[in-house]
Protein backbone atom coordinates (compact mmCIF):
# COMPACT_ATOMS: atom_id res chain seq x y z
CA MET A 1 0.00 0.00 0.00
CA SER A 2 2.81 2.39 0.87
CA GLU A 3 4.50 1.64 -2.44
CA ASN A 4 1.44 2.84 -4.38
CA ASN A 5 1.27 5.98 -2.24
CA ASP A 6 4.95 6.72 -2.93
CA GLU A 7 4.41 6.19 -6.65
CA PHE A 8 1.45 8.57 -6.62
CA LYS A 9 3.43 11.21 -4.72
CA ALA A 10 6.28 10.94 -7.23
CA TRP A 11 3.85 11.20 -10.15
CA ALA A 12 2.05 14.21 -8.63
CA GLU A 13 5.36 15.93 -7.88
CA LYS A 14 6.45 15.42 -11.48
CA LYS A 15 3.12 16.56 -12.93
CA TRP A 16 2.38 19.61 -10.78
CA GLY A 17 5.59 20.32 -8.92
CA ASN A 18 5.42 21.42 -5.31
CA LYS A 19 2.56 23.89 -5.78
CA ARG A 20 -0.09 24.15 -3.11
CA ALA A 21 -3.23 26.25 -3.09
CA SER A 22 -3.31 28.26 0.11
CA THR A 23 -5.96 30.89 -0.60
CA GLY A 24 -8.96 28.74 0.31
CA GLY A 25 -8.35 29.05 4.03
CA GLY A 26 -8.13 32.83 3.83
CA VAL A 27 -11.34 33.11 1.83
CA TYR A 28 -13.13 30.80 4.26
CA PHE A 29 -11.85 32.84 7.21
CA LEU A 30 -13.11 36.10 5.70
CA GLY A 31 -16.46 34.44 5.08
CA PHE A 32 -16.52 33.20 8.67
CA VAL A 33 -15.80 36.66 10.05
CA GLY A 34 -18.45 38.25 7.83
CA ALA A 35 -21.05 35.63 8.76
CA ALA A 36 -20.20 35.94 12.47
CA ILE A 37 -20.62 39.71 12.36
CA PHE A 38 -23.93 39.34 10.52
CA TYR A 39 -25.36 36.72 12.87
CA ILE A 40 -24.12 38.39 16.08
CA SER A 41 -25.36 41.82 15.05
CA SER A 42 -28.85 40.42 14.55
CA ALA A 43 -28.81 38.43 17.82
CA THR A 44 -31.27 39.45 20.50
CA ASP A 45 -29.73 37.52 23.42
CA PHE A 46 -26.64 35.52 24.40
CA TRP A 47 -27.86 32.14 23.12
CA THR A 48 -28.90 33.56 19.76
CA GLY A 49 -25.39 35.02 19.46
CA THR A 50 -23.88 31.64 20.37
CA LEU A 51 -26.03 29.98 17.72
CA GLY A 52 -24.84 32.68 15.30
CA ILE A 53 -21.21 31.69 15.92
CA LEU A 54 -22.08 28.05 15.20
CA LYS A 55 -23.92 29.08 12.03
CA ALA A 56 -20.93 31.17 10.96
CA ILE A 57 -18.72 28.08 11.19
CA VAL A 58 -20.92 26.09 8.80
CA TRP A 59 -22.11 28.90 6.50
CA PRO A 60 -20.86 27.14 3.33
CA ALA A 61 -23.32 24.32 4.02
CA PHE A 62 -26.19 26.84 4.09
CA LEU A 63 -24.92 28.38 0.86
CA VAL A 64 -24.65 25.07 -0.99
CA PHE A 65 -28.03 23.89 0.33
CA SER A 66 -29.83 27.03 -0.85
CA ALA A 67 -28.05 26.97 -4.22
CA LEU A 68 -28.95 23.33 -4.83
CA SER A 69 -32.52 23.97 -3.68
CA GLU A 70 -32.86 26.73 -6.25
CA LEU A 71 -31.29 24.67 -9.02
CA GLY A 72 -33.18 21.49 -8.21
CA GLY A 73 -36.59 23.09 -8.10
């Protein structure tokens, strides 16, 4: 099993080099901060604000769900 993994790593290194995409985490973080500000600013009490933080963590799931709902009918 390890031999196949090593072969894949060598192939990927040859094909793409040592490039890594690192912008996804930054974009997600900015989205998290924006969602947290939105949800907390509309909170009426402590527990609604806490729920807002939890919603801000999983905001991409809400986005994908609503997009697929619109596309699927």
